[in-house]
Amino acid sequence: MQNAPASVALESADVVPPRPGGYRWALRPALVAAALGVFGTLFRLVLIAADYPRADSDEATIGLAALHVAAGENFPIFFYGQHYMGTIQAYLAAPLLALGGPSTLLLRLPLVLLYVGFLVAMYRLVSSVYSAWFAVLVIGVLALGSDRVLKDQLIAHGGTAEVKPAAALLILLAYALAVGWRRYRAVGFAVWGLVAGLSLWDHLVIAPYVLVAAGVLVACRGRELAGRMGAYLLAGLAVGAAPLLAYNLRAQPGQDSLSIFLSQNDGPPVPLVERLVGGVLMGVPLSSGVCDPGVCRPWQRVWALALLALLVVSAVLAVRALRTTEEARARHLVRLALALGALLSIVAYTRSPAAGMTPMESGRYLCVLPVSVPAMLWPLWRLVRRGGVPRKIGAGVLGALLATMVVATVMVVASAVPDARADAREQRQLVDTLRETGVRHLYAGYWTCNRINFDSGETITCAVLGDNLRPGFDRYRPYRAVVAAADRPAFVFVADSPADGRLRAHLRRRGVPDAPTRTVGKYHVYLPPARLLP
């Protein structure tokens, strides 16, 4: 990028060269963007220090993988218990956990660093392809965050936090290579391939953005890709995707990562209308940051249609520019790529039954959409810059959108943070109670078990039981054998849950209705005098 032709920096129609003596003014957009980025970063650091978002067993599974990597015990390719979704987050967190021990805060710190990288890549991309002041607006929007957006950025579930900076970097690299990045050009192509490979191993939700970034490279540098530069790119891709390739080369038919990932679309048929409502009217505003914690109200869903329309308009504007002029072709191709990446992601998501069945939780599959915020806002920015009535329309819509996002962000702090802090205190009390009572082995439900395993640093071992008191889904299978060999494992269930009721009935049938029981928050802790289950 630094060695691109001087004209590249002035490609955008609304970028005005600084006047003589105006160098200080030229720095202002970058400084404002930096201030907004610092605010967004500090905001997220305060949230994770306040135990928001709520932790769960899936996040604890990443934490356990990080502990195993740190101890040199295991080096997992995939999220424990499945054959897709890589473990980059576990490897990033492993050094911190090696120093500080099991801690959700330490587990999440690398995600904040990924967020910082995302903002840097987005500012460079948007200021190069659109304009510097428009990039400031984009960074301001990305500094905000609704419940769903912040969960995608701050929970170590695997995949959702790192694909955004990866997608932004892929498109930025594609643009830099397209406009004439001359020094270390081979390194540029190799790095593009490396990032693409790592991203596809980590989570296939990034595939639409890898595709559109590759499209920019092919359209602008097709001849180079047919030669040595293409070989460098493929070499980087092979290195980045090496864990994925190593598994799939020996996987049984139907057990390869792509087949398993696509099988997520299997299940009971869901009507198209329900998938469109869940995938578009809820998924788009959820991923764009305009919904309250745990809910997307009807008036907030209206933004889905507006944002979808803005993406289409942005794509049309880019296509028109490509058809009418050969000047700044790469810039218009990148603008088109940003719009198409979002539209392809939405189409892929609405094909899934999850979009209609569980739209609130499944909205994470649109976690890459923030990369396309520039495409969503660009038509409004153009209206604002035109003046007159268009300016009033654009400013009104833009102001209403920002106000909605600010309200959604405030709602997170006002309602979700206290609940998350209370849940974290209860979890600490539970682990402390288990230690005080001498419990080292126990059975619990899925959403309880791995949290205990991680928070205790595996000094307490928990295996999963389903609601029917039969073995459940142990993502890390060795735990099941350890607990099965224990003399009298304890039981921990949410009070009055189906499993809790069945265990009480089982105790009565066994003639031990008065087995020692402790109540910790919402949990019942059972301490039977002998082994209850075979």
Protein backbone atom coordinates (compact mmCIF):
# COMPACT_ATOMS: atom_id res chain seq x y z
CA MET A 1 0.00 0.00 0.00
CA GLN A 2 2.79 2.45 0.87
CA ASN A 3 4.28 2.17 -2.60
CA ALA A 4 1.06 2.44 -4.58
CA PRO A 5 0.94 5.24 -7.15
CA ALA A 6 0.23 8.65 -5.64
CA SER A 7 -3.02 8.87 -7.60
CA VAL A 8 -4.43 5.91 -5.67
CA ALA A 9 -4.80 7.98 -2.52
CA LEU A 10 -6.94 10.47 -4.45
CA GLU A 11 -9.17 8.02 -6.29
CA SER A 12 -12.30 8.73 -4.28
CA ALA A 13 -14.41 11.57 -5.57
CA ASP A 14 -14.81 13.12 -2.12
CA VAL A 15 -11.14 13.00 -1.09
CA VAL A 16 -9.71 16.52 -1.45
CA PRO A 17 -5.93 17.00 -1.47
CA PRO A 18 -4.75 19.07 1.51
CA ARG A 19 -3.93 22.66 0.75
CA PRO A 20 -0.38 23.91 1.27
CA GLY A 21 0.20 24.20 4.98
CA GLY A 22 -2.83 22.04 5.68
CA TYR A 23 -0.99 18.91 6.80
CA ARG A 24 -2.43 19.10 10.29
CA TRP A 25 -5.94 19.08 8.88
CA ALA A 26 -5.11 15.99 6.82
CA LEU A 27 -4.31 14.12 10.04
CA ARG A 28 -7.62 14.95 11.66
CA PRO A 29 -9.72 12.03 10.28
CA ALA A 30 -7.15 9.49 11.46
CA LEU A 31 -7.00 11.07 14.91
CA VAL A 32 -10.79 11.12 15.28
CA ALA A 33 -10.98 7.51 14.11
CA ALA A 34 -8.25 6.58 16.61
CA ALA A 35 -10.19 8.25 19.43
CA LEU A 36 -13.34 6.36 18.47
CA GLY A 37 -11.36 3.14 18.29
CA VAL A 38 -9.90 3.72 21.75
CA PHE A 39 -13.41 4.31 23.09
CA GLY A 40 -14.69 1.09 21.50
CA THR A 41 -11.73 -0.87 22.86
CA LEU A 42 -11.97 0.52 26.41
CA PHE A 43 -15.72 -0.09 26.37
CA ARG A 44 -15.14 -3.76 25.56
CA LEU A 45 -12.38 -4.09 28.17
CA VAL A 46 -14.73 -2.69 30.82
CA LEU A 47 -17.42 -5.14 29.74
CA ILE A 48 -15.23 -8.24 29.98
CA ALA A 49 -13.87 -7.01 33.34
CA ALA A 50 -17.53 -6.85 34.46
CA ASP A 51 -18.06 -10.49 33.37
CA TYR A 52 -20.11 -9.55 30.30
CA PRO A 53 -21.14 -11.39 28.19
CA ARG A 54 -22.30 -14.34 30.30
CA ALA A 55 -19.95 -17.29 30.01
CA ASP A 56 -21.22 -20.73 29.03
CA SER A 57 -19.94 -24.25 28.52
CA ASP A 58 -19.11 -23.73 24.86
CA GLU A 59 -16.77 -20.90 25.79
CA ALA A 60 -15.36 -23.01 28.61
CA THR A 61 -14.63 -25.70 26.01
CA ILE A 62 -12.34 -23.26 24.18
CA GLY A 63 -10.79 -22.46 27.56
CA LEU A 64 -10.15 -26.15 28.25
CA ALA A 65 -8.52 -26.54 24.84
CA ALA A 66 -6.31 -23.53 25.64
CA LEU A 67 -5.32 -25.10 28.99
CA HIS A 68 -4.45 -28.35 27.20
CA VAL A 69 -2.35 -26.49 24.62
CA ALA A 70 -0.61 -24.50 27.36
CA ALA A 71 0.24 -27.72 29.23
CA GLY A 72 1.34 -29.51 26.05
CA GLU A 73 -1.29 -32.21 26.64
CA ASN A 74 -3.29 -31.81 23.45
CA PHE A 75 -3.21 -29.74 20.28
CA PRO A 76 -6.77 -29.86 18.90
CA ILE A 77 -7.52 -29.09 15.26
CA PHE A 78 -11.23 -28.55 15.81
CA PHE A 79 -13.56 -27.45 18.57
CA TYR A 80 -13.84 -30.44 20.90
CA GLY A 81 -16.68 -32.79 19.95
CA GLN A 82 -16.96 -31.85 16.26
CA HIS A 83 -15.06 -31.99 12.99
CA TYR A 84 -15.34 -28.39 11.83
CA MET A 85 -14.52 -24.94 13.25
CA GLY A 86 -10.87 -24.44 14.10
CA THR A 87 -9.27 -23.62 17.43
CA ILE A 88 -7.34 -20.42 16.70
CA GLN A 89 -8.85 -18.78 19.78
CA ALA A 90 -7.54 -21.56 22.00
CA TYR A 91 -4.00 -21.17 20.64
CA LEU A 92 -4.15 -17.38 21.07
CA ALA A 93 -5.28 -17.68 24.68
CA ALA A 94 -2.92 -20.53 25.66
CA PRO A 95 0.08 -18.29 26.59
CA LEU A 96 -2.09 -16.11 28.83
CA LEU A 97 -3.66 -19.08 30.59
CA ALA A 98 -0.22 -20.64 31.03
CA LEU A 99 0.77 -17.53 32.98
CA GLY A 100 -2.46 -16.72 34.80
CA GLY A 101 -4.36 -19.98 35.03
CA PRO A 102 -8.01 -20.55 34.10
CA SER A 103 -9.72 -17.19 33.71
CA THR A 104 -12.54 -16.07 31.46
CA LEU A 105 -11.04 -12.58 31.41
CA LEU A 106 -7.70 -13.87 30.11
CA LEU A 107 -9.50 -16.10 27.64
CA ARG A 108 -11.23 -13.05 26.18
CA LEU A 109 -8.31 -10.63 26.04
CA PRO A 110 -7.07 -11.91 22.64
CA LEU A 111 -10.55 -11.23 21.26
CA VAL A 112 -10.22 -7.56 22.20
CA LEU A 113 -6.89 -7.47 20.36
CA LEU A 114 -8.62 -9.00 17.33
CA TYR A 115 -11.22 -6.23 17.56
CA VAL A 116 -8.45 -3.61 17.51
CA GLY A 117 -6.97 -5.27 14.43
CA PHE A 118 -10.42 -5.23 12.82
CA LEU A 119 -10.77 -1.47 13.36
CA VAL A 120 -7.29 -0.77 11.96
CA ALA A 121 -7.93 -2.87 8.85
CA MET A 122 -11.36 -1.29 8.34
CA TYR A 123 -10.02 2.26 8.62
CA ARG A 124 -7.26 1.55 6.11
CA LEU A 125 -9.70 -0.15 3.76
CA VAL A 126 -12.49 2.42 3.91
CA SER A 127 -10.21 5.46 3.76
CA SER A 128 -8.51 3.97 0.67
CA VAL A 129 -11.64 2.81 -1.16
CA TYR A 130 -14.11 5.53 -0.10
CA SER A 131 -12.78 8.53 1.88
CA ALA A 132 -11.10 9.32 5.19
CA TRP A 133 -14.08 11.05 6.81
CA PHE A 134 -16.42 8.30 5.74
CA ALA A 135 -13.98 5.88 7.39
CA VAL A 136 -14.39 7.89 10.61
CA LEU A 137 -18.16 7.34 10.43
CA VAL A 138 -17.66 3.61 9.89
CA ILE A 139 -15.28 3.33 12.87
CA GLY A 140 -17.82 5.24 14.99
CA VAL A 141 -20.52 2.73 14.07
CA LEU A 142 -18.22 -0.23 14.76
CA ALA A 143 -17.33 1.25 18.18
CA LEU A 144 -20.97 0.68 19.20
CA GLY A 145 -22.47 -2.73 19.74
CA SER A 146 -25.74 -4.45 20.51
CA ASP A 147 -25.97 -7.59 22.62
CA ARG A 148 -25.52 -9.93 19.63
CA VAL A 149 -22.64 -7.92 18.15
CA LEU A 150 -20.75 -7.79 21.45
CA LYS A 151 -21.29 -11.50 22.07
CA ASP A 152 -19.79 -12.27 18.66
CA GLN A 153 -16.77 -10.10 19.49
CA LEU A 154 -16.20 -11.01 23.14
CA ILE A 155 -17.27 -14.64 23.73
CA ALA A 156 -14.62 -17.24 22.93
CA HIS A 157 -16.99 -19.57 21.11
CA GLY A 158 -14.53 -20.07 18.27
CA GLY A 159 -14.67 -18.43 14.86
CA THR A 160 -16.94 -15.44 15.31
CA ALA A 161 -14.35 -12.97 16.66
CA GLU A 162 -11.48 -13.62 14.26
CA VAL A 163 -13.34 -13.89 10.95
CA LYS A 164 -14.14 -10.16 10.90
CA PRO A 165 -10.54 -8.89 10.98
CA ALA A 166 -9.59 -11.71 8.63
CA ALA A 167 -12.25 -10.73 6.07
CA ALA A 168 -11.30 -7.05 6.29
CA LEU A 169 -7.62 -7.91 5.85
CA LEU A 170 -8.30 -10.16 2.85
CA ILE A 171 -10.20 -7.40 1.04
CA LEU A 172 -7.61 -4.78 2.01
CA LEU A 173 -4.76 -6.97 0.73
CA ALA A 174 -6.68 -7.69 -2.47
CA TYR A 175 -7.10 -3.95 -3.06
CA ALA A 176 -3.45 -3.19 -2.28
CA LEU A 177 -2.27 -5.87 -4.70
CA ALA A 178 -4.76 -4.70 -7.31
CA VAL A 179 -3.62 -1.05 -7.30
CA GLY A 180 0.07 -1.83 -7.60
CA TRP A 181 1.70 -2.77 -4.30
CA ARG A 182 5.20 -3.31 -5.69
CA ARG A 183 7.57 -4.07 -2.82
CA TYR A 184 7.44 -7.59 -1.42
CA ARG A 185 4.69 -8.42 -3.89
CA ALA A 186 5.24 -12.15 -3.61
CA VAL A 187 4.90 -11.84 0.17
CA GLY A 188 1.59 -10.02 -0.33
CA PHE A 189 0.11 -12.85 -2.38
CA ALA A 190 1.45 -15.46 0.05
CA VAL A 191 0.01 -13.62 3.05
CA TRP A 192 -3.37 -13.34 1.32
CA GLY A 193 -3.36 -17.10 0.81
CA LEU A 194 -2.22 -17.73 4.39
CA VAL A 195 -5.02 -15.59 5.88
CA ALA A 196 -7.59 -17.20 3.58
CA GLY A 197 -6.44 -20.69 4.55
CA LEU A 198 -6.45 -19.97 8.27
CA SER A 199 -9.91 -18.39 7.98
CA LEU A 200 -11.44 -21.32 6.09
CA TRP A 201 -10.03 -23.72 8.69
CA ASP A 202 -11.36 -21.56 11.49
CA HIS A 203 -14.95 -21.05 10.30
CA LEU A 204 -16.60 -21.48 6.92
CA VAL A 205 -18.97 -18.54 7.52
CA ILE A 206 -16.18 -16.41 6.05
CA ALA A 207 -16.38 -18.21 2.69
CA PRO A 208 -18.49 -15.50 0.93
CA TYR A 209 -15.91 -12.86 1.81
CA VAL A 210 -12.99 -15.06 0.75
CA LEU A 211 -14.84 -15.54 -2.54
CA VAL A 212 -15.43 -11.83 -3.21
CA ALA A 213 -11.88 -10.88 -2.17
CA ALA A 214 -10.55 -13.54 -4.54
CA GLY A 215 -12.83 -12.10 -7.23
CA VAL A 216 -11.13 -8.71 -6.88
CA LEU A 217 -7.72 -10.34 -7.29
CA VAL A 218 -8.78 -12.36 -10.32
CA ALA A 219 -10.43 -9.36 -12.00
CA CYS A 220 -7.46 -7.06 -11.46
CA ARG A 221 -4.47 -9.40 -11.38
CA GLY A 222 -5.59 -12.48 -13.27
CA ARG A 223 -2.44 -12.67 -15.38
CA GLU A 224 -0.18 -12.58 -12.34
CA LEU A 225 -2.23 -15.29 -10.65
CA ALA A 226 -1.65 -17.51 -13.67
CA GLY A 227 2.09 -17.33 -12.99
CA ARG A 228 4.44 -17.26 -10.03
CA MET A 229 2.20 -15.06 -7.88
CA GLY A 230 -0.56 -17.61 -8.10
CA ALA A 231 1.89 -20.24 -6.87
CA TYR A 232 2.82 -18.07 -3.88
CA LEU A 233 -0.86 -17.57 -3.08
CA LEU A 234 -1.58 -21.31 -3.26
CA ALA A 235 1.43 -22.06 -1.08
CA GLY A 236 0.15 -19.63 1.56
CA LEU A 237 -3.32 -21.12 1.29
CA ALA A 238 -1.96 -24.65 1.81
CA VAL A 239 0.02 -23.59 4.88
CA GLY A 240 -2.94 -21.74 6.43
CA ALA A 241 -5.39 -24.54 5.75
CA ALA A 242 -2.91 -27.31 6.66
CA PRO A 243 -4.84 -28.48 9.78
CA LEU A 244 -8.07 -28.61 7.77
CA LEU A 245 -6.42 -30.44 4.88
CA ALA A 246 -4.65 -32.90 7.19
CA TYR A 247 -7.93 -33.97 8.75
CA ASN A 248 -9.97 -34.12 5.56
CA LEU A 249 -7.42 -36.15 3.62
CA ARG A 250 -8.02 -39.05 6.01
CA ALA A 251 -11.68 -38.38 6.93
CA GLN A 252 -14.30 -41.03 6.19
CA PRO A 253 -16.94 -40.21 3.54
CA GLY A 254 -19.56 -37.94 5.04
CA GLN A 255 -17.27 -37.06 7.97
CA ASP A 256 -15.28 -34.43 6.10
CA SER A 257 -15.59 -30.86 7.39
CA LEU A 258 -17.54 -29.54 4.41
CA SER A 259 -20.15 -32.31 4.57
CA ILE A 260 -20.57 -31.85 8.31
CA PHE A 261 -20.83 -28.08 7.98
CA LEU A 262 -23.41 -28.36 5.19
CA SER A 263 -25.35 -30.86 7.27
CA GLN A 264 -26.14 -27.98 9.59
CA ASN A 265 -28.82 -27.17 7.01
CA ASP A 266 -30.42 -30.56 7.62
CA GLY A 267 -33.36 -30.98 9.94
CA PRO A 268 -37.10 -30.50 9.81
CA PRO A 269 -38.24 -28.42 6.86
CA VAL A 270 -38.86 -24.79 7.78
CA PRO A 271 -41.12 -22.69 5.53
CA LEU A 272 -39.34 -20.09 3.42
CA VAL A 273 -41.33 -17.28 5.04
CA GLU A 274 -40.10 -18.26 8.51
CA ARG A 275 -36.52 -18.49 7.28
CA LEU A 276 -36.77 -15.07 5.65
CA VAL A 277 -38.28 -13.52 8.77
CA GLY A 278 -35.63 -15.06 11.02
CA GLY A 279 -32.72 -14.70 8.63
CA VAL A 280 -33.42 -11.23 7.27
CA LEU A 281 -35.84 -9.36 9.53
CA MET A 282 -34.03 -10.58 12.66
CA GLY A 283 -30.59 -11.74 11.49
CA VAL A 284 -29.60 -8.54 9.67
CA PRO A 285 -30.47 -6.08 12.48
CA LEU A 286 -29.02 -8.46 15.11
CA SER A 287 -25.68 -8.65 13.34
CA SER A 288 -25.71 -4.93 12.54
CA GLY A 289 -26.15 -3.77 16.12
CA VAL A 290 -29.66 -2.33 16.30
CA CYS A 291 -31.40 -4.86 18.62
CA ASP A 292 -31.75 -4.92 22.40
CA PRO A 293 -30.28 -7.73 24.54
CA GLY A 294 -32.00 -11.01 23.76
CA VAL A 295 -34.76 -9.46 21.67
CA CYS A 296 -35.26 -7.74 18.34
CA ARG A 297 -38.40 -5.60 18.53
CA PRO A 298 -40.69 -5.04 15.53
CA TRP A 299 -39.58 -1.43 15.09
CA GLN A 300 -35.95 -2.59 15.10
CA ARG A 301 -36.67 -5.26 12.50
CA VAL A 302 -37.75 -2.51 10.10
CA TRP A 303 -34.08 -1.62 9.81
CA ALA A 304 -33.49 -4.99 8.13
CA LEU A 305 -35.35 -3.88 5.02
CA ALA A 306 -33.56 -0.53 5.01
CA LEU A 307 -30.11 -2.09 5.39
CA LEU A 308 -30.86 -4.71 2.75
CA ALA A 309 -32.01 -1.99 0.35
CA LEU A 310 -28.84 0.02 1.07
CA LEU A 311 -26.68 -3.02 0.24
CA VAL A 312 -28.47 -3.46 -3.07
CA VAL A 313 -28.15 0.26 -3.89
CA SER A 314 -24.45 0.15 -3.00
CA ALA A 315 -23.93 -2.82 -5.33
CA VAL A 316 -25.82 -1.07 -8.15
CA LEU A 317 -23.74 2.10 -7.72
CA ALA A 318 -20.52 0.06 -7.93
CA VAL A 319 -21.70 -1.80 -11.06
CA ARG A 320 -22.72 1.46 -12.74
CA ALA A 321 -19.31 2.97 -12.01
CA LEU A 322 -17.59 -0.11 -13.46
CA ARG A 323 -19.68 0.09 -16.63
CA THR A 324 -19.17 3.81 -17.24
CA THR A 325 -15.48 4.21 -16.51
CA GLU A 326 -12.25 2.24 -16.41
CA GLU A 327 -10.76 4.72 -13.96
CA ALA A 328 -10.27 3.49 -10.38
CA ARG A 329 -11.60 0.05 -11.36
CA ALA A 330 -10.16 -1.68 -8.31
CA ARG A 331 -11.89 0.76 -5.98
CA HIS A 332 -15.31 0.09 -7.47
CA LEU A 333 -14.67 -3.66 -7.49
CA VAL A 334 -13.92 -3.57 -3.76
CA ARG A 335 -17.10 -1.58 -3.12
CA LEU A 336 -19.03 -4.21 -5.05
CA ALA A 337 -17.25 -6.98 -3.13
CA LEU A 338 -18.30 -5.49 0.22
CA ALA A 339 -21.94 -5.42 -0.83
CA LEU A 340 -21.88 -8.88 -2.43
CA GLY A 341 -20.13 -10.44 0.55
CA ALA A 342 -22.99 -9.37 2.81
CA LEU A 343 -25.71 -10.39 0.36
CA LEU A 344 -24.16 -13.83 -0.21
CA SER A 345 -23.85 -14.35 3.57
CA ILE A 346 -27.53 -13.48 4.07
CA VAL A 347 -28.63 -15.83 1.28
CA ALA A 348 -26.54 -18.69 2.68
CA TYR A 349 -27.91 -18.11 6.18
CA THR A 350 -31.56 -18.01 5.13
CA ARG A 351 -31.13 -21.44 3.52
CA SER A 352 -30.56 -22.90 6.98
CA PRO A 353 -33.50 -24.12 9.10
CA ALA A 354 -31.78 -22.45 12.07
CA ALA A 355 -32.64 -19.06 10.60
CA GLY A 356 -36.32 -19.81 11.14
CA MET A 357 -36.14 -22.08 14.19
CA THR A 358 -33.61 -20.28 16.44
CA PRO A 359 -33.03 -16.84 14.88
CA MET A 360 -31.86 -15.16 18.10
CA GLU A 361 -28.96 -17.53 18.80
CA SER A 362 -28.28 -18.47 15.19
CA GLY A 363 -27.77 -14.83 14.28
CA ARG A 364 -24.06 -15.48 15.02
CA TYR A 365 -23.81 -17.04 11.56
CA LEU A 366 -24.02 -13.49 10.17
CA CYS A 367 -21.07 -12.44 12.33
CA VAL A 368 -19.02 -11.27 9.33
CA LEU A 369 -21.64 -8.71 8.25
CA PRO A 370 -19.99 -5.77 10.12
CA VAL A 371 -17.26 -5.87 7.46
CA SER A 372 -19.91 -4.62 5.02
CA VAL A 373 -20.99 -1.63 7.15
CA PRO A 374 -19.33 0.71 4.59
CA ALA A 375 -21.53 -0.71 1.82
CA MET A 376 -24.61 -0.23 4.01
CA LEU A 377 -23.81 3.41 4.83
CA TRP A 378 -22.28 4.59 1.54
CA PRO A 379 -25.58 5.50 -0.21
CA LEU A 380 -26.60 7.59 2.83
CA TRP A 381 -23.20 9.30 2.90
CA ARG A 382 -23.56 10.20 -0.78
CA LEU A 383 -26.94 11.80 -0.07
CA VAL A 384 -25.49 13.79 2.82
CA ARG A 385 -22.72 15.16 0.61
CA ARG A 386 -25.09 16.19 -2.17
CA GLY A 387 -26.78 18.92 -0.14
CA GLY A 388 -30.35 20.17 -0.32
CA VAL A 389 -33.22 17.76 0.19
CA PRO A 390 -31.07 14.63 -0.38
CA ARG A 391 -28.82 15.79 2.47
CA LYS A 392 -31.78 16.06 4.83
CA ILE A 393 -33.01 12.61 3.86
CA GLY A 394 -29.59 11.00 4.19
CA ALA A 395 -28.77 12.77 7.44
CA GLY A 396 -32.19 11.86 8.88
CA VAL A 397 -31.88 8.16 8.10
CA LEU A 398 -28.25 8.08 9.21
CA GLY A 399 -29.07 9.89 12.44
CA ALA A 400 -31.98 7.57 13.19
CA LEU A 401 -29.76 4.52 12.59
CA LEU A 402 -27.01 5.83 14.86
CA ALA A 403 -29.54 6.72 17.56
CA THR A 404 -30.97 3.21 17.41
CA MET A 405 -27.51 1.71 17.76
CA VAL A 406 -26.67 3.99 20.70
CA VAL A 407 -29.88 2.93 22.45
CA ALA A 408 -29.06 -0.74 21.82
CA THR A 409 -25.56 -0.23 23.25
CA VAL A 410 -26.90 1.53 26.36
CA MET A 411 -29.44 -1.27 26.84
CA VAL A 412 -26.57 -3.76 27.01
CA VAL A 413 -24.99 -1.89 29.90
CA ALA A 414 -28.28 -1.22 31.66
CA SER A 415 -29.79 -4.69 31.56
CA ALA A 416 -27.39 -7.39 30.38
CA VAL A 417 -24.30 -6.48 32.42
CA PRO A 418 -25.89 -6.82 35.91
CA ASP A 419 -27.32 -10.19 34.93
CA ALA A 420 -23.94 -11.37 33.64
CA ARG A 421 -22.17 -10.25 36.83
CA ALA A 422 -24.71 -12.08 38.99
CA ASP A 423 -24.25 -15.24 36.92
CA ALA A 424 -20.45 -15.05 37.28
CA ARG A 425 -20.71 -14.62 41.07
CA GLU A 426 -23.03 -17.62 41.26
CA GLN A 427 -20.60 -19.71 39.22
CA ARG A 428 -17.71 -18.81 41.52
CA GLN A 429 -19.83 -19.69 44.56
CA LEU A 430 -20.69 -23.04 42.99
CA VAL A 431 -17.05 -23.97 42.37
CA ASP A 432 -16.07 -22.77 45.85
CA THR A 433 -18.85 -24.88 47.40
CA LEU A 434 -17.73 -27.98 45.51
CA ARG A 435 -14.16 -27.49 46.72
CA GLU A 436 -15.26 -26.88 50.32
CA THR A 437 -17.34 -30.08 50.36
CA GLY A 438 -14.49 -32.12 48.91
CA VAL A 439 -16.21 -32.86 45.58
CA ARG A 440 -13.75 -33.91 42.89
CA HIS A 441 -16.08 -35.76 40.51
CA LEU A 442 -19.67 -34.97 39.55
CA TYR A 443 -22.38 -35.15 36.96
CA ALA A 444 -24.23 -32.07 35.66
CA GLY A 445 -26.07 -30.73 32.63
CA TYR A 446 -24.33 -29.68 29.41
CA TRP A 447 -24.45 -25.93 30.10
CA THR A 448 -22.98 -26.42 33.59
CA CYS A 449 -20.32 -29.10 33.17
CA ASN A 450 -17.47 -27.61 31.20
CA ARG A 451 -17.77 -24.32 33.09
CA ILE A 452 -16.93 -26.25 36.27
CA ASN A 453 -14.12 -28.14 34.52
CA PHE A 454 -12.57 -24.90 33.26
CA ASP A 455 -13.15 -22.64 36.27
CA SER A 456 -11.64 -25.28 38.58
CA GLY A 457 -8.65 -25.78 36.30
CA GLU A 458 -9.73 -29.42 35.92
CA THR A 459 -9.19 -30.06 39.65
CA ILE A 460 -12.91 -30.95 39.57
CA THR A 461 -14.04 -33.26 36.79
CA CYS A 462 -17.58 -33.10 35.48
CA ALA A 463 -19.33 -35.40 32.99
CA VAL A 464 -22.60 -34.55 31.27
CA LEU A 465 -25.96 -36.15 32.02
CA GLY A 466 -29.05 -35.51 29.94
CA ASP A 467 -32.51 -34.77 31.30
CA ASN A 468 -33.13 -38.53 31.38
CA LEU A 469 -30.04 -39.04 33.63
CA ARG A 470 -28.26 -40.90 30.83
CA PRO A 471 -24.81 -39.93 29.52
CA GLY A 472 -25.03 -36.68 27.58
CA PHE A 473 -22.77 -34.85 25.17
CA ASP A 474 -19.26 -34.75 26.63
CA ARG A 475 -17.27 -32.66 24.18
CA TYR A 476 -14.05 -33.87 25.79
CA ARG A 477 -14.69 -37.60 26.15
CA PRO A 478 -11.98 -38.44 28.75
CA TYR A 479 -14.07 -36.68 31.41
CA ARG A 480 -16.77 -39.35 31.14
CA ALA A 481 -14.38 -42.20 31.94
CA VAL A 482 -12.85 -40.33 34.88
CA VAL A 483 -16.23 -39.65 36.53
CA ALA A 484 -17.48 -43.19 35.76
CA ALA A 485 -14.54 -44.58 37.76
CA ALA A 486 -15.23 -42.38 40.83
CA ASP A 487 -16.67 -43.96 44.00
CA ARG A 488 -19.54 -41.54 44.67
CA PRO A 489 -19.72 -38.62 42.24
CA ALA A 490 -21.90 -35.67 43.19
CA PHE A 491 -24.69 -34.19 41.07
CA VAL A 492 -25.35 -30.56 40.18
CA PHE A 493 -28.56 -29.56 38.44
CA VAL A 494 -30.54 -26.37 38.01
CA ALA A 495 -33.28 -26.44 40.64
CA ASP A 496 -36.62 -27.77 39.38
CA SER A 497 -35.18 -28.66 35.97
CA PRO A 498 -36.27 -31.99 34.40
CA ALA A 499 -32.98 -33.63 35.42
CA ASP A 500 -33.32 -32.27 38.96
CA GLY A 501 -36.82 -33.74 39.30
CA ARG A 502 -35.76 -37.13 37.93
CA LEU A 503 -32.79 -37.29 40.30
CA ARG A 504 -35.03 -36.56 43.30
CA ALA A 505 -37.39 -39.34 42.19
CA HIS A 506 -34.42 -41.69 41.76
CA LEU A 507 -33.22 -40.88 45.30
CA ARG A 508 -36.66 -41.71 46.70
CA ARG A 509 -36.74 -45.02 44.83
CA ARG A 510 -33.27 -45.87 46.18
CA GLY A 511 -34.39 -45.03 49.71
CA VAL A 512 -32.02 -42.08 50.14
CA PRO A 513 -34.41 -39.10 50.08
CA ASP A 514 -32.33 -37.30 52.70
CA ALA A 515 -29.04 -37.34 50.82
CA PRO A 516 -27.03 -34.19 51.74
CA THR A 517 -28.09 -31.35 49.47
CA ARG A 518 -26.72 -27.83 49.13
CA THR A 519 -28.38 -24.96 47.29
CA VAL A 520 -26.11 -22.49 45.52
CA GLY A 521 -28.05 -19.85 43.67
CA LYS A 522 -30.15 -21.62 41.08
CA TYR A 523 -28.32 -24.94 41.56
CA HIS A 524 -28.99 -27.98 43.72
CA VAL A 525 -25.80 -29.82 44.74
CA TYR A 526 -26.39 -33.46 45.72
CA LEU A 527 -23.79 -35.31 47.80
CA PRO A 528 -24.94 -38.96 47.93
CA PRO A 529 -23.26 -41.36 50.39
CA ALA A 530 -22.77 -43.98 47.65
CA ARG A 531 -22.73 -44.22 43.87
CA LEU A 532 -26.26 -43.73 42.52
CA LEU A 533 -25.89 -44.51 38.81
CA PRO A 534 -24.17 -47.46 37.12
